[in-house]
Every structure is written in C-alpha cells, then in structure tokens.
Protein backbone atom coordinates (compact mmCIF):
# COMPACT_ATOMS: atom_id res chain seq x y z
CA MET A 1 -38.07 -5.73 11.97
CA SER A 2 -36.89 -5.14 8.54
CA GLY A 3 -33.26 -4.26 7.76
CA LEU A 4 -31.84 -1.73 10.32
CA SER A 5 -34.80 -0.67 11.57
CA ASN A 6 -35.64 -1.56 15.47
CA ASN A 7 -37.63 0.24 18.19
CA SER A 8 -34.26 -0.26 20.39
CA LYS A 9 -31.92 2.17 20.00
CA SER A 10 -28.74 -0.32 21.17
CA THR A 11 -29.39 -2.41 17.79
CA GLN A 12 -29.51 0.56 15.56
CA LEU A 13 -26.56 0.79 12.97
CA PRO A 14 -24.01 3.35 14.89
CA ALA A 15 -22.71 4.82 11.88
CA LEU A 16 -22.54 4.11 7.85
CA THR A 17 -18.91 2.76 7.02
CA PHE A 18 -17.91 3.63 3.53
CA VAL A 19 -15.18 1.52 2.18
CA MET A 20 -13.12 3.08 -0.71
CA THR A 21 -10.57 1.74 -3.08
CA ILE A 22 -7.72 4.36 -4.02
CA GLU A 23 -4.92 4.96 -6.32
CA TYR A 24 -2.21 7.72 -5.89
CA ASN A 25 1.06 8.95 -7.58
CA GLY A 26 2.70 9.30 -3.91
CA PHE A 27 5.51 10.96 -5.60
CA GLU A 28 4.79 14.38 -4.25
CA TYR A 29 3.18 13.21 -0.52
CA ALA A 30 5.00 12.65 2.24
CA GLY A 31 3.49 9.16 2.65
CA PHE A 32 -0.37 7.84 3.40
CA GLN A 33 -0.70 8.77 7.01
CA ARG A 34 -1.23 12.16 8.07
CA GLN A 35 1.55 13.75 10.33
CA THR A 36 1.07 15.16 13.85
CA ALA A 37 2.64 18.55 12.50
CA THR A 38 0.16 18.75 9.21
CA HIS A 39 -0.90 22.06 9.27
CA ILE A 40 -4.34 21.85 8.43
CA ASP A 41 -5.84 24.63 6.11
CA THR A 42 -9.72 24.55 4.28
CA SER A 43 -8.53 26.98 1.94
CA SER A 44 -6.09 24.70 0.60
CA CYS A 45 -9.34 22.27 -0.42
CA ASN A 46 -9.40 24.33 -4.41
CA HIS A 47 -5.80 22.18 -4.54
CA GLN A 48 -4.69 25.11 -7.20
CA ARG A 49 -0.93 24.59 -7.60
CA SER A 50 -0.47 27.11 -10.21
CA ASN A 51 3.30 27.56 -9.37
CA LYS A 52 6.49 25.31 -8.20
CA LYS A 53 6.26 26.98 -4.53
CA ALA A 54 3.00 25.32 -4.01
CA ARG A 55 3.99 22.11 -5.22
CA LYS A 56 7.20 22.32 -2.76
CA SER A 57 5.17 22.71 -0.27
CA LYS A 58 2.72 20.32 -0.64
CA ARG A 59 5.72 17.80 -1.41
CA THR A 60 7.10 18.47 2.21
CA SER A 61 3.61 18.40 4.29
CA SER A 62 0.75 17.06 2.64
CA THR A 63 -0.26 13.29 3.08
CA ILE A 64 -2.55 10.99 1.30
CA GLN A 65 -5.24 10.75 4.35
CA HIS A 66 -4.93 14.88 4.91
CA GLU A 67 -6.34 15.20 1.18
CA ILE A 68 -8.90 12.94 1.98
CA GLU A 69 -9.90 14.13 4.93
CA MET A 70 -10.01 17.51 3.41
CA ALA A 71 -12.27 16.76 0.77
CA LEU A 72 -14.62 14.70 3.21
CA GLN A 73 -14.77 18.02 5.33
CA GLN A 74 -15.76 20.18 2.25
CA TYR A 75 -18.05 17.35 1.47
CA THR A 76 -20.00 16.58 4.38
CA ASN A 77 -18.87 19.17 7.10
CA LEU A 78 -18.10 17.01 9.67
CA SER A 79 -14.85 17.22 11.51
CA ILE A 80 -11.61 14.71 10.66
CA ALA A 81 -12.37 13.19 14.33
CA THR A 82 -16.32 12.34 13.32
CA LEU A 83 -15.42 11.10 9.83
CA ARG A 84 -12.48 8.46 11.24
CA VAL A 85 -10.40 7.73 8.02
CA ARG A 86 -8.23 4.96 8.01
CA GLY A 87 -6.47 2.84 5.53
CA ALA A 88 -5.20 -0.09 5.34
CA GLY A 89 -1.15 0.50 5.05
CA ARG A 90 0.56 2.92 5.81
CA THR A 91 2.70 3.67 2.28
CA ASP A 92 5.82 5.36 2.74
CA LYS A 93 6.82 9.10 1.41
CA GLY A 94 7.03 8.47 -2.22
CA VAL A 95 5.21 5.42 -2.88
CA HIS A 96 2.35 4.51 -5.09
CA ALA A 97 -0.77 2.53 -4.65
CA THR A 98 -3.66 1.21 -7.06
CA GLY A 99 -5.48 -0.55 -4.81
CA GLN A 100 -5.10 0.95 -1.31
CA VAL A 101 -8.19 0.04 0.88
CA THR A 102 -9.31 3.69 2.97
CA ALA A 103 -12.93 3.54 4.74
CA PHE A 104 -14.63 6.55 7.03
CA ASP A 105 -17.95 7.11 8.91
CA ILE A 106 -21.08 8.51 9.09
CA PRO A 107 -22.92 8.24 12.25
CA LEU A 108 -26.67 7.78 11.82
CA GLU A 109 -27.63 9.74 14.49
CA LEU A 110 -26.68 12.69 11.90
CA LEU A 111 -29.33 11.94 9.37
CA ASN A 112 -32.41 12.15 12.20
CA ILE A 113 -34.01 8.89 11.59
CA ASP A 114 -37.81 8.42 12.47
CA ASP A 115 -39.72 5.63 13.69
CA ASN A 116 -40.59 4.46 10.03
CA ASN A 117 -37.21 4.09 9.23
CA CYS A 118 -37.25 6.97 7.05
CA ILE A 119 -34.53 9.93 6.74
CA ILE A 120 -35.76 13.40 7.77
CA CYS A 121 -35.23 15.70 4.70
CA ALA A 122 -31.92 17.96 4.54
CA GLU A 123 -34.02 21.50 4.90
CA ASP A 124 -34.65 19.71 8.37
CA THR A 125 -31.41 18.26 9.47
CA ASN A 126 -29.21 21.35 8.58
CA SER A 127 -31.07 23.71 10.92
CA LYS A 128 -29.32 24.08 14.63
CA GLU A 129 -31.25 24.36 17.55
CA GLU A 130 -30.34 27.63 19.61
CA GLY A 131 -27.75 26.72 21.74
CA ASP A 132 -26.53 23.86 20.07
CA ILE A 133 -23.71 25.27 18.30
CA ASN A 134 -21.41 22.75 19.00
CA LYS A 135 -23.83 19.62 17.05
CA GLU A 136 -22.43 18.68 14.07
CA ILE A 137 -24.70 18.31 10.75
CA LEU A 138 -24.52 16.80 7.06
CA SER A 139 -24.07 19.56 4.54
CA LYS A 140 -27.23 19.66 2.21
CA HIS A 141 -25.47 18.58 -1.40
CA CYS A 142 -23.99 15.30 0.74
CA MET A 143 -27.27 14.51 2.73
CA LYS A 144 -29.39 13.23 -0.47
CA HIS A 145 -26.20 10.75 -1.41
CA ILE A 146 -26.07 9.60 2.01
CA GLN A 147 -29.77 8.67 2.19
CA ASP A 148 -29.59 6.95 -0.80
CA ALA A 149 -26.90 4.55 0.43
CA TYR A 150 -28.36 3.99 3.67
CA HIS A 151 -31.18 2.68 1.99
CA ILE A 152 -29.52 0.39 -0.11
CA LEU A 153 -28.01 -1.08 3.00
CA ASN A 154 -30.82 -1.28 4.61
CA LYS A 155 -32.59 -3.00 1.62
CA HIS A 156 -29.41 -5.56 1.47
CA ILE A 157 -30.14 -6.56 4.99
CA SER A 158 -33.53 -6.88 4.61
CA SER A 159 -33.29 -9.47 1.84
CA THR A 160 -30.73 -11.05 3.58
CA LYS A 161 -32.56 -11.85 6.96
CA THR A 162 -35.10 -12.98 4.81
CA THR A 163 -33.32 -15.56 2.19
CA THR A 164 -31.39 -16.58 6.09
CA ASP A 165 -35.07 -17.40 7.55
CA ASN A 166 -36.02 -19.36 4.59
CA ASP A 167 -32.60 -21.55 3.62
CA LYS A 168 -29.71 -21.25 5.43
CA LYS A 169 -27.80 -23.54 3.14
CA THR A 170 -28.82 -20.97 0.18
CA ASN A 171 -27.80 -18.02 2.27
CA ASP A 172 -24.52 -19.30 2.45
CA LYS A 173 -23.51 -19.63 -0.96
CA LYS A 174 -25.31 -16.05 -1.55
CA ASN A 175 -23.53 -14.51 0.90
CA THR A 176 -21.48 -12.41 -1.09
CA ALA A 177 -22.81 -8.94 -1.74
CA THR A 178 -23.35 -7.88 -4.93
CA PHE A 179 -20.85 -5.33 -5.93
CA ILE A 180 -22.59 -1.62 -5.87
CA ASP A 181 -20.60 1.53 -6.45
CA LEU A 182 -22.02 4.23 -5.10
CA TRP A 183 -20.92 6.56 -8.09
CA GLN A 184 -22.65 9.60 -6.66
CA ILE A 185 -20.54 9.87 -3.58
CA ARG A 186 -17.63 8.41 -5.70
CA ARG A 187 -18.21 11.59 -8.24
CA ALA A 188 -18.61 14.21 -5.51
CA LEU A 189 -15.65 13.21 -4.10
CA SER A 190 -13.18 12.63 -6.92
CA THR A 191 -13.93 16.73 -7.98
CA ARG A 192 -12.74 17.63 -4.67
CA LEU A 193 -9.35 15.36 -4.65
CA PRO A 194 -6.35 16.24 -6.93
CA THR A 195 -5.60 14.91 -10.08
CA ASP A 196 -3.02 12.40 -8.41
CA ILE A 197 -5.63 10.66 -6.23
CA VAL A 198 -8.20 8.58 -7.62
CA ILE A 199 -10.99 6.94 -6.43
CA GLN A 200 -11.67 3.81 -7.81
CA SER A 201 -14.88 2.40 -5.98
CA ILE A 202 -17.06 3.13 -2.90
CA ARG A 203 -18.90 0.83 -1.21
CA LEU A 204 -21.08 -0.05 2.10
CA TYR A 205 -19.80 -2.20 4.50
CA THR A 206 -22.16 -4.94 5.44
CA ASP A 207 -21.51 -6.67 8.57
CA ILE A 208 -23.26 -3.93 11.31
CA TYR A 209 -22.24 -6.29 14.01
CA ASN A 210 -18.33 -6.06 13.40
CA PRO A 211 -17.15 -2.46 13.17
CA PHE A 212 -14.59 -2.79 9.69
CA GLU A 213 -11.44 -1.53 10.21
CA PRO A 214 -9.07 -1.43 6.92
CA ARG A 215 -5.92 -2.91 8.85
CA ASN A 216 -7.60 -5.75 10.22
CA ARG A 217 -8.51 -9.56 9.47
CA ILE A 218 -6.29 -8.56 6.15
CA GLN A 219 -5.59 -12.48 4.40
CA CYS A 220 -3.45 -11.42 1.65
CA LYS A 221 -1.59 -7.86 0.94
CA THR A 222 0.16 -7.67 -2.77
CA TYR A 223 2.67 -5.11 -3.27
CA MET A 224 4.54 -4.44 -6.73
CA TYR A 225 7.93 -3.17 -7.38
CA ASN A 226 8.84 -1.80 -10.80
CA LEU A 227 12.68 -1.98 -12.10
CA ARG A 228 14.43 -0.73 -15.13
CA PHE A 229 18.28 -1.71 -16.01
CA ARG A 230 20.72 -2.37 -18.37
CA CYS A 231 21.02 -6.10 -18.72
CA LEU A 232 24.82 -6.73 -17.36
CA ALA A 233 27.50 -7.68 -20.97
CA TYR A 234 30.68 -8.30 -21.73
CA LEU A 235 32.48 -6.97 -24.67
CA ASN A 236 32.70 -10.18 -27.38
CA ASP A 237 31.26 -12.20 -24.88
CA ASP A 238 27.84 -14.46 -25.57
CA ASP A 239 28.15 -16.77 -23.53
CA GLU A 240 26.05 -16.15 -20.17
CA SER A 241 27.79 -18.72 -18.23
CA SER A 242 31.22 -16.78 -18.82
CA SER A 243 29.54 -13.51 -18.04
CA ASN A 244 28.47 -14.60 -14.27
CA GLU A 245 32.04 -15.63 -13.66
CA LYS A 246 33.50 -11.99 -14.96
CA GLN A 247 30.52 -10.56 -12.69
CA SER A 248 32.54 -11.08 -9.46
CA SER A 249 35.76 -9.42 -11.30
CA CYS A 250 33.80 -6.56 -12.88
CA THR A 251 32.85 -5.34 -9.47
CA SER A 252 36.81 -4.85 -8.39
CA PRO A 253 38.56 -1.41 -8.45
CA ASP A 254 40.96 -2.36 -10.62
CA THR A 255 40.42 -0.93 -14.14
CA THR A 256 41.61 -3.19 -16.21
CA ASN A 257 38.72 -5.71 -15.38
CA ARG A 258 36.13 -2.64 -15.14
CA ALA A 259 37.21 -2.33 -19.04
CA GLN A 260 35.79 -5.89 -19.81
CA LEU A 261 32.58 -4.24 -19.26
CA HIS A 262 30.49 -2.88 -22.28
CA PRO A 263 30.86 0.75 -22.22
CA ILE A 264 27.21 1.45 -21.75
CA CYS A 265 26.57 -0.67 -18.76
CA ASN A 266 28.55 2.42 -17.08
CA SER A 267 26.20 5.12 -18.31
CA GLY A 268 24.10 5.73 -15.61
CA PRO A 269 20.33 5.74 -14.99
CA HIS A 270 20.08 8.79 -17.99
CA LEU A 271 19.80 6.27 -21.34
CA LEU A 272 17.08 4.48 -19.14
CA ARG A 273 14.40 7.25 -19.20
CA ARG A 274 10.92 7.24 -20.70
CA ILE A 275 8.56 10.24 -20.61
CA THR A 276 5.67 7.63 -19.03
CA ASP A 277 7.67 6.74 -16.23
CA GLN A 278 6.31 9.39 -13.90
CA ASN A 279 8.39 9.08 -11.01
CA THR A 280 6.71 5.05 -10.79
CA VAL A 281 9.86 3.27 -11.85
CA TRP A 282 13.42 2.82 -10.05
CA LEU A 283 16.31 3.51 -13.21
CA CYS A 284 18.76 1.30 -11.87
CA GLN A 285 22.32 3.07 -12.64
CA TRP A 286 24.28 -0.30 -12.50
CA PRO A 287 24.20 -3.06 -15.16
CA LEU A 288 22.32 -6.51 -13.39
CA ASN A 289 22.08 -9.97 -14.41
CA PRO A 290 18.32 -11.25 -14.67
CA SER A 291 19.56 -14.80 -13.75
CA LEU A 292 20.88 -13.85 -10.27
CA ILE A 293 17.43 -11.54 -9.87
CA ARG A 294 15.15 -14.88 -10.27
CA GLN A 295 17.41 -16.97 -8.31
CA ALA A 296 17.49 -14.46 -5.10
CA CYS A 297 14.09 -14.00 -5.39
CA ASN A 298 13.20 -17.62 -4.89
CA MET A 299 15.17 -17.85 -1.95
CA PHE A 300 13.29 -15.58 -0.09
CA VAL A 301 10.06 -17.29 -0.21
CA GLY A 302 8.47 -19.08 2.59
CA LYS A 303 8.65 -18.64 6.49
CA HIS A 304 11.69 -16.63 7.58
CA ASN A 305 12.62 -14.04 10.17
CA PHE A 306 13.43 -11.12 8.36
CA VAL A 307 13.97 -8.79 11.13
CA ASN A 308 17.50 -8.00 8.96
CA PHE A 309 15.29 -6.74 5.91
CA VAL A 310 13.37 -4.16 8.67
CA HIS A 311 13.77 -0.91 8.83
CA LYS A 312 16.67 0.20 11.38
CA ASP A 313 14.24 2.20 13.80
CA GLU A 314 12.09 -1.00 13.94
CA ARG A 315 15.07 -3.10 15.14
CA LYS A 316 16.09 -0.93 17.61
CA LYS A 317 12.67 -0.66 19.10
CA THR A 318 12.18 -5.05 19.16
CA ASN A 319 16.38 -5.09 20.73
CA SER A 320 15.76 -2.16 23.13
CA THR A 321 12.27 -3.64 24.55
CA SER A 322 13.25 -7.28 24.65
CA ASN A 323 15.03 -9.11 27.52
CA ALA A 324 17.82 -11.67 28.17
CA GLU A 325 14.75 -14.56 28.99
CA GLU A 326 12.38 -13.07 26.40
CA ASP A 327 12.30 -14.69 22.92
CA THR A 328 11.51 -12.15 20.52
CA SER A 329 12.65 -14.28 17.75
CA SER A 330 9.16 -14.39 16.18
CA ASP A 331 8.80 -10.70 16.11
CA HIS A 332 9.40 -10.22 12.32
CA VAL A 333 8.57 -13.95 11.42
CA ILE A 334 6.43 -13.75 8.49
CA ASP A 335 5.50 -16.09 5.41
CA LEU A 336 6.09 -14.72 2.08
CA PHE A 337 3.59 -16.02 -0.17
CA GLU A 338 5.19 -15.01 -3.09
CA PHE A 339 8.30 -13.05 -4.34
CA SER A 340 8.50 -13.42 -8.45
CA VAL A 341 9.83 -11.39 -10.94
CA ASP A 342 8.43 -10.57 -14.45
CA ILE A 343 11.67 -9.25 -16.57
CA GLN A 344 10.80 -7.97 -20.49
CA SER A 345 13.61 -6.29 -23.02
CA GLU A 346 12.40 -3.24 -24.43
CA GLU A 347 13.23 -2.79 -28.36
CA GLU A 348 15.65 -0.41 -29.29
CA GLU A 349 17.06 0.34 -32.66
CA ASP A 350 20.39 -0.55 -31.88
CA THR A 351 20.08 -4.35 -31.75
CA SER A 352 24.05 -4.30 -30.91
CA LEU A 353 23.72 -2.90 -27.74
CA PRO A 354 23.11 -4.68 -24.38
CA PRO A 355 18.89 -4.72 -24.12
CA VAL A 356 17.06 -2.55 -21.58
CA MET A 357 15.15 -4.66 -19.25
CA ASN A 358 11.71 -3.82 -17.42
CA ALA A 359 11.68 -5.69 -14.29
CA THR A 360 8.00 -5.84 -11.98
CA PHE A 361 8.37 -7.49 -8.56
CA THR A 362 5.41 -9.11 -7.07
CA LEU A 363 5.52 -9.66 -3.07
CA LYS A 364 2.65 -11.36 -1.36
CA ALA A 365 1.91 -11.80 2.12
CA LYS A 366 -0.31 -11.40 4.89
CA GLY A 367 1.50 -8.34 6.17
CA PHE A 368 5.07 -6.26 5.62
CA HIS A 369 6.84 -4.65 7.96
CA ARG A 370 8.34 -0.63 7.40
CA SER A 371 10.62 -0.85 4.42
CA MET A 372 10.70 -3.98 4.16
CA VAL A 373 9.43 -4.54 0.61
CA ARG A 374 12.38 -2.06 -0.28
CA LEU A 375 14.97 -3.61 1.50
CA LEU A 376 14.44 -7.00 -0.15
CA VAL A 377 14.31 -5.73 -3.62
CA GLY A 378 17.50 -3.82 -2.41
CA PHE A 379 19.49 -6.56 -1.63
CA VAL A 380 18.24 -8.92 -4.53
CA VAL A 381 19.69 -5.76 -6.70
CA ASP A 382 22.97 -5.52 -4.96
CA VAL A 383 23.33 -9.70 -5.41
CA ALA A 384 22.41 -9.27 -9.18
CA ARG A 385 25.41 -6.67 -9.41
CA GLY A 386 27.38 -8.59 -7.87
CA LYS A 387 28.13 -6.88 -4.43
CA GLN A 388 26.48 -9.82 -2.38
CA ARG A 389 26.46 -13.29 -2.87
CA LEU A 390 23.22 -15.73 -3.04
CA GLU A 391 24.83 -17.76 -0.05
CA ASP A 392 24.30 -14.61 2.36
CA ILE A 393 20.90 -14.96 2.39
CA PRO A 394 20.25 -17.65 4.61
CA ILE A 395 22.53 -16.28 6.80
CA LEU A 396 20.23 -12.91 6.94
CA LEU A 397 17.34 -14.94 7.52
CA LEU A 398 18.88 -16.95 10.55
CA ASP A 399 17.73 -20.04 8.35
CA GLU A 400 21.27 -21.60 9.14
CA LYS A 401 20.45 -23.82 12.10
CA GLU A 402 20.75 -27.26 13.62
CA GLU A 403 18.04 -29.36 15.43
CA ASP A 404 17.71 -28.10 19.27
CA VAL A 405 20.31 -25.01 18.50
CA ILE A 406 19.25 -21.64 18.78
CA VAL A 407 20.92 -19.62 16.70
CA LYS A 408 21.85 -15.96 17.69
CA PRO A 409 21.52 -13.28 15.47
CA PRO A 410 24.73 -12.35 13.07
CA THR A 411 27.42 -10.48 14.48
CA ALA A 412 27.95 -6.85 13.77
CA GLU A 413 30.93 -7.90 12.02
CA THR A 414 29.10 -9.84 9.83
CA LEU A 415 26.00 -7.64 8.99
CA ALA A 416 28.33 -4.84 8.55
CA SER A 417 29.61 -6.80 5.64
CA LEU A 418 26.25 -7.68 4.77
CA LYS A 419 24.46 -4.13 5.06
CA VAL A 420 21.28 -4.06 3.18
CA HIS A 421 20.41 -1.09 1.20
CA ALA A 422 16.71 -0.21 0.55
CA ALA A 423 15.52 0.69 -3.11
CA PRO A 424 14.40 3.75 -3.72
CA ALA A 425 10.52 4.72 -2.87
CA CYS A 426 9.42 5.58 -6.49
CA GLY A 427 9.03 2.14 -7.70
CA LEU A 428 6.90 0.77 -4.92
CA CYS A 429 3.24 0.11 -4.70
CA LEU A 430 0.60 -1.25 -3.14
CA THR A 431 -1.64 -2.98 -5.49
CA LYS A 432 -4.36 -4.81 -3.67
CA VAL A 433 -5.84 -5.74 -0.03
CA GLU A 434 -7.38 -8.88 0.11
CA TYR A 435 -9.72 -9.43 3.40
CA GLU A 436 -10.66 -12.69 5.22
CA HIS A 437 -14.59 -12.14 4.84
CA ASP A 438 -15.69 -9.89 1.84
CA ASN A 439 -18.07 -8.12 3.14
CA PHE A 440 -18.74 -5.14 1.53
CA LEU A 441 -21.70 -4.02 -0.62
C-alpha cells in the first residue's frame, strides 16, 4: 500500500481537511460564529456593498463564518453541512483576528478515487446519475485544485511511511511537515471573500487517524489589545511620585481637585484619533497612569480563579447548575501565562503637552472564557485612572485564603463596589493559536 491507497475502504481517509489561517477586521461583523438567525443568501456572494444601507444590513447580520461558508459554497458547490466550517475561537462582535485558525472538509467520496489511487476527471464527476438529484458534486473549477491537494498529501504520507520503516529515530526528528501553501485554493477563495477578510495560508491536515478540530488540543492562544490614551499629568508638576498621590484626589467630584489636572486630560478621545486606526484601537477618554498599568498586569499572571472576569451570563450559568455539595471553584481557574504591556509614546509637535501613549497588551493562556480578555483590560484601565485599587485584584481573584480554609466568593456588596467593566471590542485581536502537535502540511 502506498500513501492513502488501500483495498479496504474502511482505512481510507474519509475527507481532506483543509486548515486556513485567516485575519479579519471584525468591526462590521456580529462575531465569528454563524448565528442561527443569519439569513443565508447565495446572491450576496458577490460582496458588493455600494451604499450605506447595505453596509448597515451586513453589520447587523453577517458573521465571519457565514462569509467563509458562502465563499466555499460558491467555489465547491457543496453544502454547509458537508463543508463543516469551524474555528479555533468564537470572537465576539467587533473583535478582530490576525491568526484565527479555521478548517473545512472535502469528502473523498466526492473525488471518485479508483483502484489505482487516481481521481476520475472532473467531467465524469460532474455528471449526475438519473434519479440521484440529492448527490453532491464538486464544481469543475475546483476539482483540479482538490485533486492536486490530494496527491500532495498522498505523496507526503507515502514518504513518511517509508521513513518510518527505515529509521524510526530519524522520523521522530523529521516529524514536522514541510509548510506547503495551497495557493491556488487560497486565491480562488480570496476572490470570493470581502476585502476585510484575508486568508493568510491554506494547508492540509496530515494526521489521518485523528480528525482535526480547531478548538481541541490548543497549547497556547494569544490575544492582543490596542489602547491609546493621554498620560496623566498635573499642572506645574513633573514628579511622577507626587502625581500618583494626587491621582485619587483627581477622581473626586470636587472641582478644585479636578482643576489640578492638565486641561487636555479632560479633552476626551477626539484628539487621539488617527487616520490609520480602522476601528482597531480603543481611544481611552480618561488620562491614565502608565506605571499602574504595568503593576496591575503583573498581578494577574499565574493560575487564578477568574470567575469575576467572565461574562455575566457565564457566571449565572455556573451558579444555576451548581449544587451546594458540588465544588465549582475550578470552573474558571485558568493559568494565565502572560499578561504584559508595551507602552510607547507618540511624537507630537507640541512637547509641552502630556504625551499620547500607545499600549499593546499581550495575553497568553491555553484558553480564555467569554469576554475575559476585555474585562481584564477594562479593570486595568480602571486601576490606572484611579477608579479601582491594586489591592482589589487579589480579592476579585479569590487569592486571599489561609491553609485548609475555603474562601467564599466576595459578597454582593463587595462586588458592587468592585464592579468590573469590559473594554470595547474594537481593540481586541486574536493573533495566534498554537497546537500541541503541528500536523499541518
């Protein structure tokens, strides 16, 4: 037997799994996952949005998954159920991505593989038998590309098997597949997608015995959040230490204390806009203390219970399904590998003004719960503007405990005073998804 060929149909690969790495600007989309109420209209595949009414309609209904499925339907002539498009992360409405991983399947039975491990020509595969009106067929213009992909995978598996038989130790060192971008398929799909969705690469999944699911076996997921703010500054005061002491007083409703701030600190986000933003950065309307941002980020790193930093519906679901005798404290325990921030100042012509800062947050973990990244960034911002304290972070993370003592969650009164606000979705971006085993050709 060579490669995928086998006299027994049970050992044949049931489908070719194509893995795509995509990027998109999610501002006009209702998230990645297709909604059940999304209207599927194949006539919208031309993606012509010539007026504001069309763009408004798209903003309220379309999703990234829906757009990909429409492009695949037009290209392959297969149904959504057959293609089975899925993604590594269900990004929320308005969230962007530069490293989202998606996958779709092409069943081998549609390729009509003969006993010699060859594919019957496209003209034969596109002829339906009488009475077989429900049989799906691949479109003629994609058959050649799928055929090439099949032979590439077949050749790779054959060479891997030979290497395994000759020298297993050498095979262990060469187990990583050579990167092969199926650019013909990538180009065909790119011409059918809107301009705010870009396919970076298309590869084949080589492990024929374990079907690939993008949400499983993730080793690390990386999110980044972009924030722009005006640095907190006081009139005739250049000492940062004294500025920190005055920060709490500047949040007081007393107008005399507010007058100590530099007037531009209360100018709002309008002076922070840039023509290249494209709704990918949060323009913070409050002045922030950069040193507090760094300190707050460091306190979240590690294994903690982030139950107070997930979406409220997810907290309610956990509380409603838990019994008094059950321990649900581990439902939201996550090991946050990294929560760092890179802060850079912008150059301005007027150097007498408090500088404008660009902050890029990087968060890494094996997985994140719903709205968790945005809630973490939002709380850090509240600390940096004086609305919350660094001392409140261990309380919300349930880290204050003694040996052999189970600490109960904070009371409703405590949580009311430590309310966590989510940062806007526009600044969030899924940048990378890493897997335990890289079996992509």
